[in-house]
Amino acid sequence: MSKSNLLDKQKILQRQSLRLEDKIEITKRRIKDFYNHFDGEVYCSFSGGKDSTVLRHIVMSMGLKMPFVFSNTGLEMPEIVDFVRKQASTDSSVIQVKPKVAFNEVWKKYGLPVGSKKVAKMIRVLQEGDNGKNTNMHRLYDTGINSKGEIAKSWKIPEKWRVYVNDEAPRITDLCCDFLKKEPLDTYAKESGRHGISAIMADEGGAREMRTQCNVYEGKRPNCAPMLFWLESDVWEYINTRGVEICEVYFDREINGRRVPAEKRTGCMFCGFGVHLEKGMNRFQRMAISHPRQHSIVIDRMGMGRALDLINVKYLPDVEASND
């Protein structure tokens, strides 16, 4: 990390410790700066999740006019889709975009999303084999040796994931989100000439943790992440202190006599990224109770069950003990 990026990272960490009210003011300034820079030709990405719902609430409180764009992959939880439609019924600025291809086409052609974005790419490249065009990348992921012959251990695939690197294993991919989520928004941005504002936070980890600036004005995809320095606790404090309505899936529910824990994150229902890290009842176990039809599709028909078996991740809820 360069010195300037390190300083920016330290600034993000410092801002994460601020009071919520101070964070809100900084967030509003970042939004206004981005809005003014592009003469209002911006849009706000609205997934129906709690983070983007808070961002939409902030934007609306500022009186700024812009579209709130819902990228409907076809894999969102039905409750999320219903929540977005409810918002759209009273706000014409909420619009929907869809991918050009269906999820089952992507999965059949490229594979299943398992592990993480980084891990899935490693598996995909190793499954493809050294085809002459990916020699350096294949060696890097397989041995941890880069194109300069230097050891780069963090880029060698962990042994846990080598169970997928054989001809019998299901194919794994990192490309799902590109086709189903990003492409529709990129197409909308290109056709409308607008630039995106989103509710990503460094606190979420992964690639987002490495981002150090809220507003990016240069490059192919200028974008604004005005909540980059927020913590999840800030989001909940904002929701609770301002009475913001969010989707019901963020709360514990009882379905068919069984308690279903609240969703911590929403998004594509069928995505396997991070499920191996979940404690307690994981997303697929919850889905078996809350959405049995979708569970059958992803686990049985699409083959996610077979992929999860290889890494010993449960996808059926534990049998509850009888009180009799």
C-alpha atoms as a PDB file:
ATOM      1  CA  MET A   1       0.000   0.000   0.000  1.00  0.00           C
ATOM      2  CA  SER A   2       1.404   3.404  -1.004  1.00  0.00           C
ATOM      3  CA  LYS A   3       2.012   6.140   1.552  1.00  0.00           C
ATOM      4  CA  SER A   4      -0.970   8.171   0.307  1.00  0.00           C
ATOM      5  CA  ASN A   5      -3.252   5.125   0.428  1.00  0.00           C
ATOM      6  CA  LEU A   6      -1.992   4.330   3.915  1.00  0.00           C
ATOM      7  CA  LEU A   7      -2.877   7.848   5.051  1.00  0.00           C
ATOM      8  CA  ASP A   8      -6.321   7.536   3.449  1.00  0.00           C
ATOM      9  CA  LYS A   9      -6.807   4.184   5.206  1.00  0.00           C
ATOM     10  CA  GLN A  10      -5.864   5.748   8.541  1.00  0.00           C
ATOM     11  CA  LYS A  11      -8.383   8.509   7.865  1.00  0.00           C
ATOM     12  CA  ILE A  12     -11.114   5.922   7.258  1.00  0.00           C
ATOM     13  CA  LEU A  13     -10.234   4.153  10.517  1.00  0.00           C
ATOM     14  CA  GLN A  14     -10.309   7.465  12.388  1.00  0.00           C
ATOM     15  CA  ARG A  15     -13.715   8.343  10.952  1.00  0.00           C
ATOM     16  CA  GLN A  16     -15.092   4.947  11.942  1.00  0.00           C
ATOM     17  CA  SER A  17     -14.709   6.057  15.568  1.00  0.00           C
ATOM     18  CA  LEU A  18     -16.775   9.250  15.143  1.00  0.00           C
ATOM     19  CA  ARG A  19     -20.265   9.775  16.559  1.00  0.00           C
ATOM     20  CA  LEU A  20     -23.133   8.899  14.223  1.00  0.00           C
ATOM     21  CA  GLU A  21     -24.205  12.530  13.854  1.00  0.00           C
ATOM     22  CA  ASP A  22     -20.722  13.484  12.666  1.00  0.00           C
ATOM     23  CA  LYS A  23     -20.713  10.584  10.213  1.00  0.00           C
ATOM     24  CA  ILE A  24     -24.050  11.684   8.796  1.00  0.00           C
ATOM     25  CA  GLU A  25     -22.735  15.183   8.134  1.00  0.00           C
ATOM     26  CA  ILE A  26     -19.615  13.872   6.372  1.00  0.00           C
ATOM     27  CA  THR A  27     -21.768  11.475   4.346  1.00  0.00           C
ATOM     28  CA  LYS A  28     -24.030  14.317   3.241  1.00  0.00           C
ATOM     29  CA  ARG A  29     -21.006  16.376   2.181  1.00  0.00           C
ATOM     30  CA  ARG A  30     -19.630  13.495   0.114  1.00  0.00           C
ATOM     31  CA  ILE A  31     -22.991  13.018  -1.597  1.00  0.00           C
ATOM     32  CA  LYS A  32     -23.353  16.747  -2.297  1.00  0.00           C
ATOM     33  CA  ASP A  33     -19.785  16.999  -3.648  1.00  0.00           C
ATOM     34  CA  PHE A  34     -20.386  14.070  -6.017  1.00  0.00           C
ATOM     35  CA  TYR A  35     -23.813  15.370  -7.021  1.00  0.00           C
ATOM     36  CA  ASN A  36     -22.483  18.843  -7.813  1.00  0.00           C
ATOM     37  CA  HIS A  37     -19.397  17.531  -9.623  1.00  0.00           C
ATOM     38  CA  PHE A  38     -21.609  15.715 -12.127  1.00  0.00           C
ATOM     39  CA  ASP A  39     -24.329  18.393 -12.226  1.00  0.00           C
ATOM     40  CA  GLY A  40     -26.862  16.036 -10.686  1.00  0.00           C
ATOM     41  CA  GLU A  41     -26.290  13.310 -13.282  1.00  0.00           C
ATOM     42  CA  VAL A  42     -26.050  10.592 -10.639  1.00  0.00           C
ATOM     43  CA  TYR A  43     -28.106   7.675  -9.366  1.00  0.00           C
ATOM     44  CA  CYS A  44     -28.295   5.810  -6.072  1.00  0.00           C
ATOM     45  CA  SER A  45     -28.008   2.030  -6.055  1.00  0.00           C
ATOM     46  CA  PHE A  46     -30.920   0.655  -4.011  1.00  0.00           C
ATOM     47  CA  SER A  47     -30.814  -3.076  -3.245  1.00  0.00           C
ATOM     48  CA  GLY A  48     -33.638  -3.081  -0.717  1.00  0.00           C
ATOM     49  CA  GLY A  49     -31.139  -4.043   1.993  1.00  0.00           C
ATOM     50  CA  LYS A  50     -30.816  -2.102   5.222  1.00  0.00           C
ATOM     51  CA  ASP A  51     -27.634  -0.223   4.230  1.00  0.00           C
ATOM     52  CA  SER A  52     -28.988   1.089   0.928  1.00  0.00           C
ATOM     53  CA  THR A  53     -32.321   1.865   2.617  1.00  0.00           C
ATOM     54  CA  VAL A  54     -30.468   4.106   5.070  1.00  0.00           C
ATOM     55  CA  LEU A  55     -28.542   5.747   2.215  1.00  0.00           C
ATOM     56  CA  ARG A  56     -31.798   6.398   0.338  1.00  0.00           C
ATOM     57  CA  HIS A  57     -33.268   7.939   3.497  1.00  0.00           C
ATOM     58  CA  ILE A  58     -30.265  10.268   3.800  1.00  0.00           C
ATOM     59  CA  VAL A  59     -30.414  11.308   0.131  1.00  0.00           C
ATOM     60  CA  MET A  60     -34.141  12.014   0.391  1.00  0.00           C
ATOM     61  CA  SER A  61     -33.594  14.044   3.580  1.00  0.00           C
ATOM     62  CA  MET A  62     -31.240  16.261   1.565  1.00  0.00           C
ATOM     63  CA  GLY A  63     -33.923  17.008  -1.011  1.00  0.00           C
ATOM     64  CA  LEU A  64     -31.749  15.791  -3.888  1.00  0.00           C
ATOM     65  CA  LYS A  65     -33.470  14.383  -6.959  1.00  0.00           C
ATOM     66  CA  MET A  66     -32.032  11.212  -8.488  1.00  0.00           C
ATOM     67  CA  PRO A  67     -33.155   7.716  -9.513  1.00  0.00           C
ATOM     68  CA  PHE A  68     -32.894   4.899  -6.968  1.00  0.00           C
ATOM     69  CA  VAL A  69     -31.935   1.887  -9.075  1.00  0.00           C
ATOM     70  CA  PHE A  70     -32.782  -1.655  -8.000  1.00  0.00           C
ATOM     71  CA  SER A  71     -30.741  -4.299  -9.830  1.00  0.00           C
ATOM     72  CA  ASN A  72     -33.078  -7.301  -9.728  1.00  0.00           C
ATOM     73  CA  THR A  73     -30.990 -10.384 -10.469  1.00  0.00           C
ATOM     74  CA  GLY A  74     -33.965 -12.713 -10.135  1.00  0.00           C
ATOM     75  CA  LEU A  75     -32.272 -14.176  -7.055  1.00  0.00           C
ATOM     76  CA  GLU A  76     -33.325 -11.589  -4.476  1.00  0.00           C
ATOM     77  CA  MET A  77     -35.382 -12.790  -1.529  1.00  0.00           C
ATOM     78  CA  PRO A  78     -39.115 -12.397  -2.302  1.00  0.00           C
ATOM     79  CA  GLU A  79     -39.452 -10.211   0.791  1.00  0.00           C
ATOM     80  CA  ILE A  80     -36.757  -7.864  -0.532  1.00  0.00           C
ATOM     81  CA  VAL A  81     -38.485  -7.596  -3.915  1.00  0.00           C
ATOM     82  CA  ASP A  82     -41.801  -6.879  -2.176  1.00  0.00           C
ATOM     83  CA  PHE A  83     -40.133  -4.228  -0.008  1.00  0.00           C
ATOM     84  CA  VAL A  84     -38.639  -2.473  -3.044  1.00  0.00           C
ATOM     85  CA  ARG A  85     -41.970  -2.615  -4.879  1.00  0.00           C
ATOM     86  CA  LYS A  86     -43.660  -1.079  -1.846  1.00  0.00           C
ATOM     87  CA  GLN A  87     -41.201   1.836  -1.958  1.00  0.00           C
ATOM     88  CA  ALA A  88     -41.692   2.158  -5.726  1.00  0.00           C
ATOM     89  CA  SER A  89     -45.478   2.322  -5.316  1.00  0.00           C
ATOM     90  CA  THR A  90     -45.147   5.712  -3.615  1.00  0.00           C
ATOM     91  CA  ASP A  91     -41.911   6.919  -5.228  1.00  0.00           C
ATOM     92  CA  SER A  92     -41.563   6.976  -9.018  1.00  0.00           C
ATOM     93  CA  SER A  93     -37.814   7.571  -8.695  1.00  0.00           C
ATOM     94  CA  VAL A  94     -37.364   3.911  -7.649  1.00  0.00           C
ATOM     95  CA  ILE A  95     -36.684   1.989 -10.856  1.00  0.00           C
ATOM     96  CA  GLN A  96     -35.643  -1.555 -11.716  1.00  0.00           C
ATOM     97  CA  VAL A  97     -33.003  -2.992 -14.038  1.00  0.00           C
ATOM     98  CA  LYS A  98     -32.480  -6.664 -14.884  1.00  0.00           C
ATOM     99  CA  PRO A  99     -29.610  -8.769 -16.271  1.00  0.00           C
ATOM    100  CA  LYS A 100     -29.521  -9.868 -19.899  1.00  0.00           C
ATOM    101  CA  VAL A 101     -29.015 -13.501 -18.896  1.00  0.00           C
ATOM    102  CA  ALA A 102     -30.738 -15.662 -16.289  1.00  0.00           C
ATOM    103  CA  PHE A 103     -28.803 -16.998 -13.310  1.00  0.00           C
ATOM    104  CA  ASN A 104     -29.201 -20.623 -14.398  1.00  0.00           C
ATOM    105  CA  GLU A 105     -27.523 -19.809 -17.724  1.00  0.00           C
ATOM    106  CA  VAL A 106     -24.577 -18.235 -15.888  1.00  0.00           C
ATOM    107  CA  TRP A 107     -24.266 -21.171 -13.501  1.00  0.00           C
ATOM    108  CA  LYS A 108     -24.467 -23.772 -16.259  1.00  0.00           C
ATOM    109  CA  LYS A 109     -21.823 -22.010 -18.329  1.00  0.00           C
ATOM    110  CA  TYR A 110     -19.425 -20.817 -15.617  1.00  0.00           C
ATOM    111  CA  GLY A 111     -20.161 -22.616 -12.348  1.00  0.00           C
ATOM    112  CA  LEU A 112     -21.293 -21.958  -8.775  1.00  0.00           C
ATOM    113  CA  PRO A 113     -20.272 -19.108  -6.419  1.00  0.00           C
ATOM    114  CA  VAL A 114     -18.523 -20.736  -3.445  1.00  0.00           C
ATOM    115  CA  GLY A 115     -15.874 -19.556  -0.973  1.00  0.00           C
ATOM    116  CA  SER A 116     -15.240 -15.894  -1.700  1.00  0.00           C
ATOM    117  CA  LYS A 117     -14.658 -13.777  -4.785  1.00  0.00           C
ATOM    118  CA  LYS A 118     -10.895 -14.321  -4.483  1.00  0.00           C
ATOM    119  CA  VAL A 119     -11.101 -18.038  -3.706  1.00  0.00           C
ATOM    120  CA  ALA A 120     -13.653 -18.699  -6.447  1.00  0.00           C
ATOM    121  CA  LYS A 121     -11.369 -17.053  -9.005  1.00  0.00           C
ATOM    122  CA  MET A 122      -8.471 -19.232  -7.853  1.00  0.00           C
ATOM    123  CA  ILE A 123     -10.587 -22.359  -8.202  1.00  0.00           C
ATOM    124  CA  ARG A 124     -11.925 -21.292 -11.607  1.00  0.00           C
ATOM    125  CA  VAL A 125      -8.443 -20.684 -13.017  1.00  0.00           C
ATOM    126  CA  LEU A 126      -7.100 -23.969 -11.642  1.00  0.00           C
ATOM    127  CA  GLN A 127     -10.121 -25.878 -12.924  1.00  0.00           C
ATOM    128  CA  GLU A 128      -9.552 -24.396 -16.389  1.00  0.00           C
ATOM    129  CA  GLY A 129      -5.950 -25.613 -16.331  1.00  0.00           C
ATOM    130  CA  ASP A 130      -2.910 -23.943 -17.880  1.00  0.00           C
ATOM    131  CA  ASN A 131      -4.209 -23.005 -21.331  1.00  0.00           C
ATOM    132  CA  GLY A 132      -1.191 -20.943 -22.389  1.00  0.00           C
ATOM    133  CA  LYS A 133      -3.004 -17.657 -21.838  1.00  0.00           C
ATOM    134  CA  ASN A 134      -3.251 -17.928 -18.071  1.00  0.00           C
ATOM    135  CA  THR A 135       0.116 -19.544 -17.317  1.00  0.00           C
ATOM    136  CA  ASN A 136       1.352 -16.942 -14.823  1.00  0.00           C
ATOM    137  CA  MET A 137      -1.964 -16.745 -13.000  1.00  0.00           C
ATOM    138  CA  HIS A 138      -2.322 -20.529 -12.921  1.00  0.00           C
ATOM    139  CA  ARG A 139       1.163 -20.920 -11.429  1.00  0.00           C
ATOM    140  CA  LEU A 140       0.501 -18.149  -8.911  1.00  0.00           C
ATOM    141  CA  TYR A 141      -2.680 -19.767  -7.610  1.00  0.00           C
ATOM    142  CA  ASP A 142      -1.251 -23.284  -7.729  1.00  0.00           C
ATOM    143  CA  THR A 143       2.198 -22.689  -6.224  1.00  0.00           C
ATOM    144  CA  GLY A 144       2.193 -19.166  -4.781  1.00  0.00           C
ATOM    145  CA  ILE A 145       5.009 -18.112  -7.133  1.00  0.00           C
ATOM    146  CA  ASN A 146       4.387 -14.988  -9.205  1.00  0.00           C
ATOM    147  CA  SER A 147       5.535 -14.083 -12.717  1.00  0.00           C
ATOM    148  CA  LYS A 148       8.829 -12.734 -11.323  1.00  0.00           C
ATOM    149  CA  GLY A 149       9.596 -16.021  -9.595  1.00  0.00           C
ATOM    150  CA  GLU A 150       8.915 -14.511  -6.185  1.00  0.00           C
ATOM    151  CA  ILE A 151       6.977 -16.252  -3.424  1.00  0.00           C
ATOM    152  CA  ALA A 152       3.526 -14.733  -2.848  1.00  0.00           C
ATOM    153  CA  LYS A 153       1.957 -17.047  -0.277  1.00  0.00           C
ATOM    154  CA  SER A 154      -1.298 -15.116   0.036  1.00  0.00           C
ATOM    155  CA  TRP A 155      -2.068 -15.920  -3.605  1.00  0.00           C
ATOM    156  CA  LYS A 156      -1.630 -19.674  -3.316  1.00  0.00           C
ATOM    157  CA  ILE A 157      -4.952 -21.464  -3.028  1.00  0.00           C
ATOM    158  CA  PRO A 158      -5.498 -22.777   0.529  1.00  0.00           C
ATOM    159  CA  GLU A 159      -5.556 -26.581   0.781  1.00  0.00           C
ATOM    160  CA  LYS A 160      -9.181 -26.477   1.979  1.00  0.00           C
ATOM    161  CA  TRP A 161     -10.302 -25.419  -1.491  1.00  0.00           C
ATOM    162  CA  ARG A 162      -8.276 -27.919  -3.528  1.00  0.00           C
ATOM    163  CA  VAL A 163     -11.165 -30.371  -3.183  1.00  0.00           C
ATOM    164  CA  TYR A 164     -12.672 -28.534  -6.159  1.00  0.00           C
ATOM    165  CA  VAL A 165      -9.566 -28.828  -8.340  1.00  0.00           C
ATOM    166  CA  ASN A 166     -10.353 -32.125 -10.027  1.00  0.00           C
ATOM    167  CA  ASP A 167     -12.450 -33.346 -12.931  1.00  0.00           C
ATOM    168  CA  GLU A 168     -15.203 -34.742 -10.706  1.00  0.00           C
ATOM    169  CA  ALA A 169     -15.900 -31.586  -8.696  1.00  0.00           C
ATOM    170  CA  PRO A 170     -18.592 -29.060  -9.665  1.00  0.00           C
ATOM    171  CA  ARG A 171     -17.331 -25.983 -11.475  1.00  0.00           C
ATOM    172  CA  ILE A 172     -16.829 -22.873  -9.350  1.00  0.00           C
ATOM    173  CA  THR A 173     -16.875 -19.257 -10.540  1.00  0.00           C
ATOM    174  CA  ASP A 174     -16.335 -15.696  -9.379  1.00  0.00           C
ATOM    175  CA  LEU A 175     -18.161 -14.209 -12.389  1.00  0.00           C
ATOM    176  CA  CYS A 176     -21.754 -14.506 -11.168  1.00  0.00           C
ATOM    177  CA  CYS A 177     -22.022 -10.972  -9.805  1.00  0.00           C
ATOM    178  CA  ASP A 178     -20.471  -9.474 -12.935  1.00  0.00           C
ATOM    179  CA  PHE A 179     -23.263 -10.820 -15.131  1.00  0.00           C
ATOM    180  CA  LEU A 180     -26.206 -10.611 -12.763  1.00  0.00           C
ATOM    181  CA  LYS A 181     -25.573  -7.496 -10.659  1.00  0.00           C
ATOM    182  CA  LYS A 182     -22.890  -5.256 -12.127  1.00  0.00           C
ATOM    183  CA  GLU A 183     -23.660  -5.504 -15.851  1.00  0.00           C
ATOM    184  CA  PRO A 184     -27.257  -4.200 -15.525  1.00  0.00           C
ATOM    185  CA  LEU A 185     -26.071  -1.228 -13.450  1.00  0.00           C
ATOM    186  CA  ASP A 186     -23.154  -0.546 -15.810  1.00  0.00           C
ATOM    187  CA  THR A 187     -25.548  -0.625 -18.770  1.00  0.00           C
ATOM    188  CA  TYR A 188     -27.919   1.745 -16.986  1.00  0.00           C
ATOM    189  CA  ALA A 189     -25.054   4.108 -16.142  1.00  0.00           C
ATOM    190  CA  LYS A 190     -23.797   4.099 -19.730  1.00  0.00           C
ATOM    191  CA  GLU A 191     -27.211   4.628 -21.302  1.00  0.00           C
ATOM    192  CA  SER A 192     -28.307   7.294 -18.817  1.00  0.00           C
ATOM    193  CA  GLY A 193     -24.948   9.053 -18.480  1.00  0.00           C
ATOM    194  CA  ARG A 194     -25.321   8.892 -14.702  1.00  0.00           C
ATOM    195  CA  HIS A 195     -22.746   7.895 -12.081  1.00  0.00           C
ATOM    196  CA  GLY A 196     -23.462   5.649  -9.113  1.00  0.00           C
ATOM    197  CA  ILE A 197     -23.735   6.265  -5.393  1.00  0.00           C
ATOM    198  CA  SER A 198     -23.776   3.144  -3.217  1.00  0.00           C
ATOM    199  CA  ALA A 199     -23.870   2.143   0.449  1.00  0.00           C
ATOM    200  CA  ILE A 200     -20.721  -0.001   0.553  1.00  0.00           C
ATOM    201  CA  MET A 201     -18.790   0.096   3.825  1.00  0.00           C
ATOM    202  CA  ALA A 202     -15.185  -0.846   4.591  1.00  0.00           C
ATOM    203  CA  ASP A 203     -16.543  -2.605   7.680  1.00  0.00           C
ATOM    204  CA  GLU A 204     -17.961  -5.332   5.399  1.00  0.00           C
ATOM    205  CA  GLY A 205     -14.471  -6.663   4.674  1.00  0.00           C
ATOM    206  CA  GLY A 206     -13.110  -8.181   1.479  1.00  0.00           C
ATOM    207  CA  ALA A 207     -12.276  -5.829  -1.381  1.00  0.00           C
ATOM    208  CA  ARG A 208     -14.405  -3.123   0.231  1.00  0.00           C
ATOM    209  CA  GLU A 209     -12.052  -3.043   3.216  1.00  0.00           C
ATOM    210  CA  MET A 210      -9.226  -2.018   0.888  1.00  0.00           C
ATOM    211  CA  ARG A 211     -11.061   1.005  -0.474  1.00  0.00           C
ATOM    212  CA  THR A 212      -9.750   4.234   1.027  1.00  0.00           C
ATOM    213  CA  GLN A 213     -11.705   7.070  -0.629  1.00  0.00           C
ATOM    214  CA  CYS A 214     -15.428   7.797  -0.588  1.00  0.00           C
ATOM    215  CA  ASN A 215     -15.550   9.633  -3.910  1.00  0.00           C
ATOM    216  CA  VAL A 216     -13.757   8.469  -7.047  1.00  0.00           C
ATOM    217  CA  TYR A 217     -13.995  10.905  -9.951  1.00  0.00           C
ATOM    218  CA  GLU A 218     -11.493   9.404 -12.380  1.00  0.00           C
ATOM    219  CA  GLY A 219     -11.321   6.141 -14.311  1.00  0.00           C
ATOM    220  CA  LYS A 220     -13.930   4.193 -16.224  1.00  0.00           C
ATOM    221  CA  ARG A 221     -16.418   4.088 -13.371  1.00  0.00           C
ATOM    222  CA  PRO A 222     -16.582   7.236 -11.217  1.00  0.00           C
ATOM    223  CA  ASN A 223     -18.560   6.423  -8.099  1.00  0.00           C
ATOM    224  CA  CYS A 224     -19.436   7.576  -4.617  1.00  0.00           C
ATOM    225  CA  ALA A 225     -19.396   5.487  -1.419  1.00  0.00           C
ATOM    226  CA  PRO A 226     -20.457   8.107   1.160  1.00  0.00           C
ATOM    227  CA  MET A 227     -20.971   5.548   3.948  1.00  0.00           C
ATOM    228  CA  LEU A 228     -17.550   3.925   3.503  1.00  0.00           C
ATOM    229  CA  PHE A 229     -16.509   4.722   7.082  1.00  0.00           C
ATOM    230  CA  TRP A 230     -19.777   3.625   8.725  1.00  0.00           C
ATOM    231  CA  LEU A 231     -20.023   0.540  10.936  1.00  0.00           C
ATOM    232  CA  GLU A 232     -22.978  -1.837  10.986  1.00  0.00           C
ATOM    233  CA  SER A 233     -23.813  -0.543  14.462  1.00  0.00           C
ATOM    234  CA  ASP A 234     -24.149   2.946  12.946  1.00  0.00           C
ATOM    235  CA  VAL A 235     -26.659   1.654  10.408  1.00  0.00           C
ATOM    236  CA  TRP A 236     -28.783   0.118  13.144  1.00  0.00           C
ATOM    237  CA  GLU A 237     -28.532   3.262  15.285  1.00  0.00           C
ATOM    238  CA  TYR A 238     -29.716   5.348  12.327  1.00  0.00           C
ATOM    239  CA  ILE A 239     -32.617   2.961  11.677  1.00  0.00           C
ATOM    240  CA  ASN A 240     -33.705   2.882  15.310  1.00  0.00           C
ATOM    241  CA  THR A 241     -33.346   6.587  16.087  1.00  0.00           C
ATOM    242  CA  ARG A 242     -35.099   7.725  12.914  1.00  0.00           C
ATOM    243  CA  GLY A 243     -37.737   5.044  12.630  1.00  0.00           C
ATOM    244  CA  VAL A 244     -36.615   3.923   9.174  1.00  0.00           C
ATOM    245  CA  GLU A 245     -38.674   1.070   7.748  1.00  0.00           C
ATOM    246  CA  ILE A 246     -36.544  -1.860   6.586  1.00  0.00           C
ATOM    247  CA  CYS A 247     -37.353  -5.278   5.176  1.00  0.00           C
ATOM    248  CA  GLU A 248     -38.768  -7.850   7.613  1.00  0.00           C
ATOM    249  CA  VAL A 249     -35.987 -10.381   6.947  1.00  0.00           C
ATOM    250  CA  TYR A 250     -33.647  -8.398   9.196  1.00  0.00           C
ATOM    251  CA  PHE A 251     -35.634  -9.528  12.225  1.00  0.00           C
ATOM    252  CA  ASP A 252     -36.133 -12.960  13.812  1.00  0.00           C
ATOM    253  CA  ARG A 253     -39.263 -14.659  12.478  1.00  0.00           C
ATOM    254  CA  GLU A 254     -41.336 -17.746  13.148  1.00  0.00           C
ATOM    255  CA  ILE A 255     -42.228 -19.748  10.045  1.00  0.00           C
ATOM    256  CA  ASN A 256     -44.238 -22.964  10.171  1.00  0.00           C
ATOM    257  CA  GLY A 257     -43.625 -23.201  13.893  1.00  0.00           C
ATOM    258  CA  ARG A 258     -39.848 -22.801  13.634  1.00  0.00           C
ATOM    259  CA  ARG A 259     -37.784 -19.792  14.603  1.00  0.00           C
ATOM    260  CA  VAL A 260     -35.755 -18.386  11.730  1.00  0.00           C
ATOM    261  CA  PRO A 261     -32.914 -16.060  12.824  1.00  0.00           C
ATOM    262  CA  ALA A 262     -32.642 -12.632  11.225  1.00  0.00           C
ATOM    263  CA  GLU A 263     -30.634 -12.222   8.048  1.00  0.00           C
ATOM    264  CA  LYS A 264     -27.418 -10.307   8.647  1.00  0.00           C
ATOM    265  CA  ARG A 265     -26.961  -9.577   4.952  1.00  0.00           C
ATOM    266  CA  THR A 266     -29.252  -9.898   1.993  1.00  0.00           C
ATOM    267  CA  GLY A 267     -28.443 -10.133  -1.701  1.00  0.00           C
ATOM    268  CA  CYS A 268     -28.618 -13.092  -4.052  1.00  0.00           C
ATOM    269  CA  MET A 269     -30.329 -15.933  -2.182  1.00  0.00           C
ATOM    270  CA  PHE A 270     -28.350 -18.641  -3.947  1.00  0.00           C
ATOM    271  CA  CYS A 271     -24.877 -17.167  -3.416  1.00  0.00           C
ATOM    272  CA  GLY A 272     -22.484 -19.418  -1.497  1.00  0.00           C
ATOM    273  CA  PHE A 273     -19.816 -16.799  -0.796  1.00  0.00           C
ATOM    274  CA  GLY A 274     -18.967 -16.762   2.904  1.00  0.00           C
ATOM    275  CA  VAL A 275     -21.444 -19.445   3.973  1.00  0.00           C
ATOM    276  CA  HIS A 276     -18.577 -21.575   5.343  1.00  0.00           C
ATOM    277  CA  LEU A 277     -17.872 -18.823   7.890  1.00  0.00           C
ATOM    278  CA  GLU A 278     -21.409 -18.464   9.240  1.00  0.00           C
ATOM    279  CA  LYS A 279     -22.054 -19.469  12.837  1.00  0.00           C
ATOM    280  CA  GLY A 280     -25.282 -21.097  13.940  1.00  0.00           C
ATOM    281  CA  MET A 281     -27.992 -21.672  11.344  1.00  0.00           C
ATOM    282  CA  ASN A 282     -26.493 -20.642   7.992  1.00  0.00           C
ATOM    283  CA  ARG A 283     -28.320 -19.043   5.054  1.00  0.00           C
ATOM    284  CA  PHE A 284     -29.155 -22.321   3.315  1.00  0.00           C
ATOM    285  CA  GLN A 285     -30.427 -23.909   6.523  1.00  0.00           C
ATOM    286  CA  ARG A 286     -32.650 -20.863   7.082  1.00  0.00           C
ATOM    287  CA  MET A 287     -33.774 -21.007   3.455  1.00  0.00           C
ATOM    288  CA  ALA A 288     -34.918 -24.616   3.878  1.00  0.00           C
ATOM    289  CA  ILE A 289     -37.473 -23.328   6.395  1.00  0.00           C
ATOM    290  CA  SER A 290     -38.363 -19.918   4.988  1.00  0.00           C
ATOM    291  CA  HIS A 291     -38.214 -20.637   1.241  1.00  0.00           C
ATOM    292  CA  PRO A 292     -38.335 -24.419   0.630  1.00  0.00           C
ATOM    293  CA  ARG A 293     -38.997 -24.090  -3.109  1.00  0.00           C
ATOM    294  CA  GLN A 294     -35.939 -21.904  -3.680  1.00  0.00           C
ATOM    295  CA  HIS A 295     -33.899 -24.182  -1.410  1.00  0.00           C
ATOM    296  CA  SER A 296     -34.765 -27.198  -3.537  1.00  0.00           C
ATOM    297  CA  ILE A 297     -33.790 -25.337  -6.713  1.00  0.00           C
ATOM    298  CA  VAL A 298     -30.359 -24.205  -5.531  1.00  0.00           C
ATOM    299  CA  ILE A 299     -29.380 -27.259  -3.494  1.00  0.00           C
ATOM    300  CA  ASP A 300     -30.758 -30.038  -5.663  1.00  0.00           C
ATOM    301  CA  ARG A 301     -31.405 -28.777  -9.179  1.00  0.00           C
ATOM    302  CA  MET A 302     -28.464 -26.361  -9.474  1.00  0.00           C
ATOM    303  CA  GLY A 303     -25.996 -28.553  -7.557  1.00  0.00           C
ATOM    304  CA  MET A 304     -25.060 -26.308  -4.641  1.00  0.00           C
ATOM    305  CA  GLY A 305     -25.633 -29.197  -2.231  1.00  0.00           C
ATOM    306  CA  ARG A 306     -22.930 -31.258  -3.905  1.00  0.00           C
ATOM    307  CA  ALA A 307     -20.526 -28.303  -3.783  1.00  0.00           C
ATOM    308  CA  LEU A 308     -21.203 -27.683  -0.084  1.00  0.00           C
ATOM    309  CA  ASP A 309     -20.770 -31.364   0.765  1.00  0.00           C
ATOM    310  CA  LEU A 310     -17.141 -31.129  -0.358  1.00  0.00           C
ATOM    311  CA  ILE A 311     -16.364 -28.515   2.303  1.00  0.00           C
ATOM    312  CA  ASN A 312     -18.652 -29.997   4.984  1.00  0.00           C
ATOM    313  CA  VAL A 313     -21.136 -27.119   5.069  1.00  0.00           C
ATOM    314  CA  LYS A 314     -24.651 -28.033   6.178  1.00  0.00           C
ATOM    315  CA  TYR A 315     -27.617 -26.946   4.092  1.00  0.00           C
ATOM    316  CA  LEU A 316     -30.457 -28.654   5.973  1.00  0.00           C
ATOM    317  CA  PRO A 317     -31.605 -27.420   9.399  1.00  0.00           C
ATOM    318  CA  ASP A 318     -30.800 -29.561  12.401  1.00  0.00           C
ATOM    319  CA  VAL A 319     -33.716 -31.634  13.644  1.00  0.00           C
ATOM    320  CA  GLU A 320     -35.231 -29.983  16.697  1.00  0.00           C
ATOM    321  CA  ALA A 321     -35.498 -32.135  19.784  1.00  0.00           C
ATOM    322  CA  SER A 322     -39.022 -33.117  20.763  1.00  0.00           C
ATOM    323  CA  ASN A 323     -40.447 -31.807  24.041  1.00  0.00           C
ATOM    324  CA  ASP A 324     -42.633 -34.885  24.476  1.00  0.00           C
END
